[in-house]
Amino acid sequence: MAVGYGYPAAGGGQGRMRAADTDRDRVVESLKVAYSEGRLSKDEYDGRLEQALSARTYADLDRLVADLPATRATVVTPVARTNGFAIASFTCGIAQFVVGPLTTIPAIVLGHLARGQIRRSGEQGAGLALAGLVLGWAALILGVILLVVGMVVIGALTGSMRMH
């Protein structure tokens, strides 16, 4: 393949092998680079992108990038940034151990906001948001349990004091 990903040649029998989603994704990335460099017009890019997403074989994919130069090794794909709400949720979840229950509700709210944004934007931080949620909900549930147990104990003590 012209883009240098080690695909089997289109002319041989291997070109009829079915392509995987990752193969299509690599070609899409090559098309994006070619479009950003001005090698493809918007119409060419859109047409090839549609064909890449519906390609079935290596040969189908090869035809889409055969006239493009190989992707340079210096091209670095940017790493998706980490969602700020996810970081804040995790921080609030950890802060509970230092400042007490003041950060419990913010950990939960920020965790839910982060997960929603991450689903829409593709940002990183799903694990941080989940950790913030787990820490927040665990502290909230533990606090409610301790409150109920405390009320039962106080009720039992005051009830036994009235009897005497």
C-alpha atoms as a PDB file:
ATOM      1  CA  MET A   1       0.000   0.000   0.000  1.00  0.00           C
ATOM      2  CA  ALA A   2       1.313   3.427  -0.790  1.00  0.00           C
ATOM      3  CA  VAL A   3       0.929   4.745   2.747  1.00  0.00           C
ATOM      4  CA  GLY A   4       3.483   2.318   4.144  1.00  0.00           C
ATOM      5  CA  TYR A   5       1.435   0.471   6.711  1.00  0.00           C
ATOM      6  CA  GLY A   6       2.521  -2.948   5.534  1.00  0.00           C
ATOM      7  CA  TYR A   7      -0.700  -3.886   3.759  1.00  0.00           C
ATOM      8  CA  PRO A   8      -0.534  -6.688   1.232  1.00  0.00           C
ATOM      9  CA  ALA A   9      -0.151  -5.516  -2.348  1.00  0.00           C
ATOM     10  CA  ALA A  10      -3.389  -4.896  -4.212  1.00  0.00           C
ATOM     11  CA  GLY A  11      -2.191  -6.688  -7.318  1.00  0.00           C
ATOM     12  CA  GLY A  12      -1.593  -9.988  -5.537  1.00  0.00           C
ATOM     13  CA  GLY A  13      -4.104 -12.393  -4.130  1.00  0.00           C
ATOM     14  CA  GLN A  14      -3.623 -10.867  -0.695  1.00  0.00           C
ATOM     15  CA  GLY A  15      -5.278  -7.629  -1.877  1.00  0.00           C
ATOM     16  CA  ARG A  16      -8.598  -9.491  -1.845  1.00  0.00           C
ATOM     17  CA  MET A  17      -8.247 -10.151   1.881  1.00  0.00           C
ATOM     18  CA  ARG A  18     -10.900  -8.468   3.960  1.00  0.00           C
ATOM     19  CA  ALA A  19      -9.803  -5.320   5.748  1.00  0.00           C
ATOM     20  CA  ALA A  20     -10.436  -4.692   9.431  1.00  0.00           C
ATOM     21  CA  ASP A  21     -11.751  -1.543  11.090  1.00  0.00           C
ATOM     22  CA  THR A  22      -8.210  -0.617  12.141  1.00  0.00           C
ATOM     23  CA  ASP A  23      -7.096  -0.823   8.492  1.00  0.00           C
ATOM     24  CA  ARG A  24      -9.891   1.530   7.470  1.00  0.00           C
ATOM     25  CA  ASP A  25      -9.005   3.860  10.347  1.00  0.00           C
ATOM     26  CA  ARG A  26      -5.372   4.053   9.189  1.00  0.00           C
ATOM     27  CA  VAL A  27      -6.447   4.964   5.665  1.00  0.00           C
ATOM     28  CA  VAL A  28      -8.837   7.582   7.032  1.00  0.00           C
ATOM     29  CA  GLU A  29      -5.930   9.091   9.000  1.00  0.00           C
ATOM     30  CA  SER A  30      -3.809   9.139   5.830  1.00  0.00           C
ATOM     31  CA  LEU A  31      -6.619  10.889   3.989  1.00  0.00           C
ATOM     32  CA  LYS A  32      -6.921  13.449   6.791  1.00  0.00           C
ATOM     33  CA  VAL A  33      -3.202  14.181   6.573  1.00  0.00           C
ATOM     34  CA  ALA A  34      -3.366  14.498   2.784  1.00  0.00           C
ATOM     35  CA  TYR A  35      -6.344  16.855   3.058  1.00  0.00           C
ATOM     36  CA  SER A  36      -4.658  18.978   5.747  1.00  0.00           C
ATOM     37  CA  GLU A  37      -1.537  19.229   3.563  1.00  0.00           C
ATOM     38  CA  GLY A  38      -3.635  20.394   0.604  1.00  0.00           C
ATOM     39  CA  ARG A  39      -3.117  17.233  -1.461  1.00  0.00           C
ATOM     40  CA  LEU A  40      -6.873  16.583  -1.669  1.00  0.00           C
ATOM     41  CA  SER A  41      -9.734  18.998  -2.250  1.00  0.00           C
ATOM     42  CA  LYS A  42     -12.714  18.908   0.103  1.00  0.00           C
ATOM     43  CA  ASP A  43     -14.786  16.996  -2.473  1.00  0.00           C
ATOM     44  CA  GLU A  44     -11.992  14.466  -3.089  1.00  0.00           C
ATOM     45  CA  TYR A  45     -11.502  14.015   0.640  1.00  0.00           C
ATOM     46  CA  ASP A  46     -15.230  13.533   1.285  1.00  0.00           C
ATOM     47  CA  GLY A  47     -15.537  11.014  -1.550  1.00  0.00           C
ATOM     48  CA  ARG A  48     -12.508   9.008  -0.507  1.00  0.00           C
ATOM     49  CA  LEU A  49     -13.540   9.112   3.135  1.00  0.00           C
ATOM     50  CA  GLU A  50     -16.918   7.620   2.280  1.00  0.00           C
ATOM     51  CA  GLN A  51     -15.250   4.923   0.191  1.00  0.00           C
ATOM     52  CA  ALA A  52     -12.712   4.163   2.947  1.00  0.00           C
ATOM     53  CA  LEU A  53     -15.419   3.660   5.522  1.00  0.00           C
ATOM     54  CA  SER A  54     -17.257   1.220   3.254  1.00  0.00           C
ATOM     55  CA  ALA A  55     -14.163  -0.563   1.867  1.00  0.00           C
ATOM     56  CA  ARG A  56     -14.138  -4.328   2.263  1.00  0.00           C
ATOM     57  CA  THR A  57     -10.681  -5.399   1.099  1.00  0.00           C
ATOM     58  CA  TYR A  58      -7.085  -4.237   1.199  1.00  0.00           C
ATOM     59  CA  ALA A  59      -7.307  -3.597  -2.545  1.00  0.00           C
ATOM     60  CA  ASP A  60     -10.261  -1.241  -1.993  1.00  0.00           C
ATOM     61  CA  LEU A  61      -8.236   0.676   0.577  1.00  0.00           C
ATOM     62  CA  ASP A  62      -5.088   0.665  -1.563  1.00  0.00           C
ATOM     63  CA  ARG A  63      -6.889   2.343  -4.474  1.00  0.00           C
ATOM     64  CA  LEU A  64      -7.854   5.260  -2.207  1.00  0.00           C
ATOM     65  CA  VAL A  65      -4.282   6.192  -1.265  1.00  0.00           C
ATOM     66  CA  ALA A  66      -2.249   4.853  -4.194  1.00  0.00           C
ATOM     67  CA  ASP A  67      -1.686   8.351  -5.660  1.00  0.00           C
ATOM     68  CA  LEU A  68      -0.727   9.890  -2.302  1.00  0.00           C
ATOM     69  CA  PRO A  69       2.828   9.993  -0.920  1.00  0.00           C
ATOM     70  CA  ALA A  70       3.640   7.864   2.087  1.00  0.00           C
ATOM     71  CA  THR A  71       2.827   9.479   5.397  1.00  0.00           C
ATOM     72  CA  ARG A  72       5.921  11.072   6.836  1.00  0.00           C
ATOM     73  CA  ALA A  73       7.310   9.549  10.006  1.00  0.00           C
ATOM     74  CA  THR A  74       7.447  13.041  11.514  1.00  0.00           C
ATOM     75  CA  VAL A  75       3.673  13.354  11.480  1.00  0.00           C
ATOM     76  CA  VAL A  76       2.526  12.967  15.049  1.00  0.00           C
ATOM     77  CA  THR A  77      -1.093  12.354  15.813  1.00  0.00           C
ATOM     78  CA  PRO A  78      -2.137  14.539  18.725  1.00  0.00           C
ATOM     79  CA  VAL A  79      -3.141  12.813  21.922  1.00  0.00           C
ATOM     80  CA  ALA A  80      -6.664  13.633  22.961  1.00  0.00           C
ATOM     81  CA  ARG A  81      -6.682  15.948  25.950  1.00  0.00           C
ATOM     82  CA  THR A  82      -7.956  14.858  29.331  1.00  0.00           C
ATOM     83  CA  ASN A  83     -11.361  16.214  30.299  1.00  0.00           C
ATOM     84  CA  GLY A  84     -11.122  18.897  32.985  1.00  0.00           C
ATOM     85  CA  PHE A  85     -14.294  17.783  34.754  1.00  0.00           C
ATOM     86  CA  ALA A  86     -12.840  14.257  35.019  1.00  0.00           C
ATOM     87  CA  ILE A  87      -9.713  15.616  36.696  1.00  0.00           C
ATOM     88  CA  ALA A  88     -11.837  17.756  39.038  1.00  0.00           C
ATOM     89  CA  SER A  89     -14.109  14.808  39.895  1.00  0.00           C
ATOM     90  CA  PHE A  90     -11.167  12.596  40.800  1.00  0.00           C
ATOM     91  CA  THR A  91      -9.546  15.414  42.785  1.00  0.00           C
ATOM     92  CA  CYS A  92     -12.766  15.999  44.749  1.00  0.00           C
ATOM     93  CA  GLY A  93     -13.072  12.258  45.366  1.00  0.00           C
ATOM     94  CA  ILE A  94      -9.562  12.112  46.816  1.00  0.00           C
ATOM     95  CA  ALA A  95     -10.008  15.394  48.719  1.00  0.00           C
ATOM     96  CA  GLN A  96     -12.757  13.784  50.806  1.00  0.00           C
ATOM     97  CA  PHE A  97     -10.056  12.005  52.765  1.00  0.00           C
ATOM     98  CA  VAL A  98      -8.498  15.362  53.676  1.00  0.00           C
ATOM     99  CA  VAL A  99     -11.376  17.851  54.022  1.00  0.00           C
ATOM    100  CA  GLY A 100     -14.239  15.518  54.799  1.00  0.00           C
ATOM    101  CA  PRO A 101     -17.608  15.294  53.075  1.00  0.00           C
ATOM    102  CA  LEU A 102     -17.512  18.822  51.593  1.00  0.00           C
ATOM    103  CA  THR A 103     -16.264  17.512  48.255  1.00  0.00           C
ATOM    104  CA  THR A 104     -18.533  14.452  48.021  1.00  0.00           C
ATOM    105  CA  ILE A 105     -21.351  16.039  46.000  1.00  0.00           C
ATOM    106  CA  PRO A 106     -18.962  17.930  43.670  1.00  0.00           C
ATOM    107  CA  ALA A 107     -17.140  14.644  42.969  1.00  0.00           C
ATOM    108  CA  ILE A 108     -20.424  13.017  41.914  1.00  0.00           C
ATOM    109  CA  VAL A 109     -21.734  15.953  39.868  1.00  0.00           C
ATOM    110  CA  LEU A 110     -18.412  16.567  38.096  1.00  0.00           C
ATOM    111  CA  GLY A 111     -18.032  12.845  37.394  1.00  0.00           C
ATOM    112  CA  HIS A 112     -21.407  12.690  35.656  1.00  0.00           C
ATOM    113  CA  LEU A 113     -20.674  15.881  33.681  1.00  0.00           C
ATOM    114  CA  ALA A 114     -17.280  14.513  32.627  1.00  0.00           C
ATOM    115  CA  ARG A 115     -18.676  11.190  31.435  1.00  0.00           C
ATOM    116  CA  GLY A 116     -21.261  12.982  29.306  1.00  0.00           C
ATOM    117  CA  GLN A 117     -18.665  15.257  27.739  1.00  0.00           C
ATOM    118  CA  ILE A 118     -16.240  12.384  27.151  1.00  0.00           C
ATOM    119  CA  ARG A 119     -18.912  10.394  25.300  1.00  0.00           C
ATOM    120  CA  ARG A 120     -19.592  13.366  23.010  1.00  0.00           C
ATOM    121  CA  SER A 121     -16.055  14.665  22.491  1.00  0.00           C
ATOM    122  CA  GLY A 122     -13.827  11.578  22.654  1.00  0.00           C
ATOM    123  CA  GLU A 123     -11.558  13.192  25.250  1.00  0.00           C
ATOM    124  CA  GLN A 124      -9.487  11.146  27.660  1.00  0.00           C
ATOM    125  CA  GLY A 125     -10.326  10.800  31.350  1.00  0.00           C
ATOM    126  CA  ALA A 126     -13.135   8.246  31.517  1.00  0.00           C
ATOM    127  CA  GLY A 127     -11.249   6.342  34.218  1.00  0.00           C
ATOM    128  CA  LEU A 128     -10.686   9.475  36.288  1.00  0.00           C
ATOM    129  CA  ALA A 129     -14.365  10.389  36.040  1.00  0.00           C
ATOM    130  CA  LEU A 130     -15.393   6.883  37.045  1.00  0.00           C
ATOM    131  CA  ALA A 131     -12.976   6.896  39.987  1.00  0.00           C
ATOM    132  CA  GLY A 132     -14.356  10.266  41.139  1.00  0.00           C
ATOM    133  CA  LEU A 133     -17.895   8.904  40.875  1.00  0.00           C
ATOM    134  CA  VAL A 134     -17.077   5.726  42.787  1.00  0.00           C
ATOM    135  CA  LEU A 135     -15.310   7.653  45.548  1.00  0.00           C
ATOM    136  CA  GLY A 136     -18.135  10.190  45.770  1.00  0.00           C
ATOM    137  CA  TRP A 137     -20.962   7.665  45.814  1.00  0.00           C
ATOM    138  CA  ALA A 138     -19.099   5.383  48.230  1.00  0.00           C
ATOM    139  CA  ALA A 139     -18.592   8.254  50.665  1.00  0.00           C
ATOM    140  CA  LEU A 140     -22.215   9.342  50.309  1.00  0.00           C
ATOM    141  CA  ILE A 141     -23.561   5.826  50.893  1.00  0.00           C
ATOM    142  CA  LEU A 142     -21.197   5.275  53.823  1.00  0.00           C
ATOM    143  CA  GLY A 143     -22.260   8.623  55.321  1.00  0.00           C
ATOM    144  CA  VAL A 144     -25.951   7.727  55.041  1.00  0.00           C
ATOM    145  CA  ILE A 145     -25.336   4.298  56.616  1.00  0.00           C
ATOM    146  CA  LEU A 146     -23.394   5.866  59.505  1.00  0.00           C
ATOM    147  CA  LEU A 147     -26.120   8.457  59.984  1.00  0.00           C
ATOM    148  CA  VAL A 148     -28.849   5.791  60.125  1.00  0.00           C
ATOM    149  CA  VAL A 149     -26.808   3.594  62.484  1.00  0.00           C
ATOM    150  CA  GLY A 150     -26.115   6.618  64.694  1.00  0.00           C
ATOM    151  CA  MET A 151     -29.792   7.509  64.844  1.00  0.00           C
ATOM    152  CA  VAL A 152     -30.714   3.922  65.733  1.00  0.00           C
ATOM    153  CA  VAL A 153     -28.070   3.809  68.468  1.00  0.00           C
ATOM    154  CA  ILE A 154     -29.162   7.173  69.885  1.00  0.00           C
ATOM    155  CA  GLY A 155     -32.804   6.068  69.715  1.00  0.00           C
ATOM    156  CA  ALA A 156     -31.989   2.863  71.543  1.00  0.00           C
ATOM    157  CA  LEU A 157     -29.988   4.687  74.202  1.00  0.00           C
ATOM    158  CA  THR A 158     -32.660   7.299  74.793  1.00  0.00           C
ATOM    159  CA  GLY A 159     -35.348   4.595  74.859  1.00  0.00           C
ATOM    160  CA  SER A 160     -33.470   2.597  77.462  1.00  0.00           C
ATOM    161  CA  MET A 161     -32.887   5.738  79.519  1.00  0.00           C
ATOM    162  CA  ARG A 162     -36.629   6.465  79.617  1.00  0.00           C
ATOM    163  CA  MET A 163     -37.333   2.997  80.954  1.00  0.00           C
ATOM    164  CA  HIS A 164     -35.083   3.525  83.947  1.00  0.00           C
END
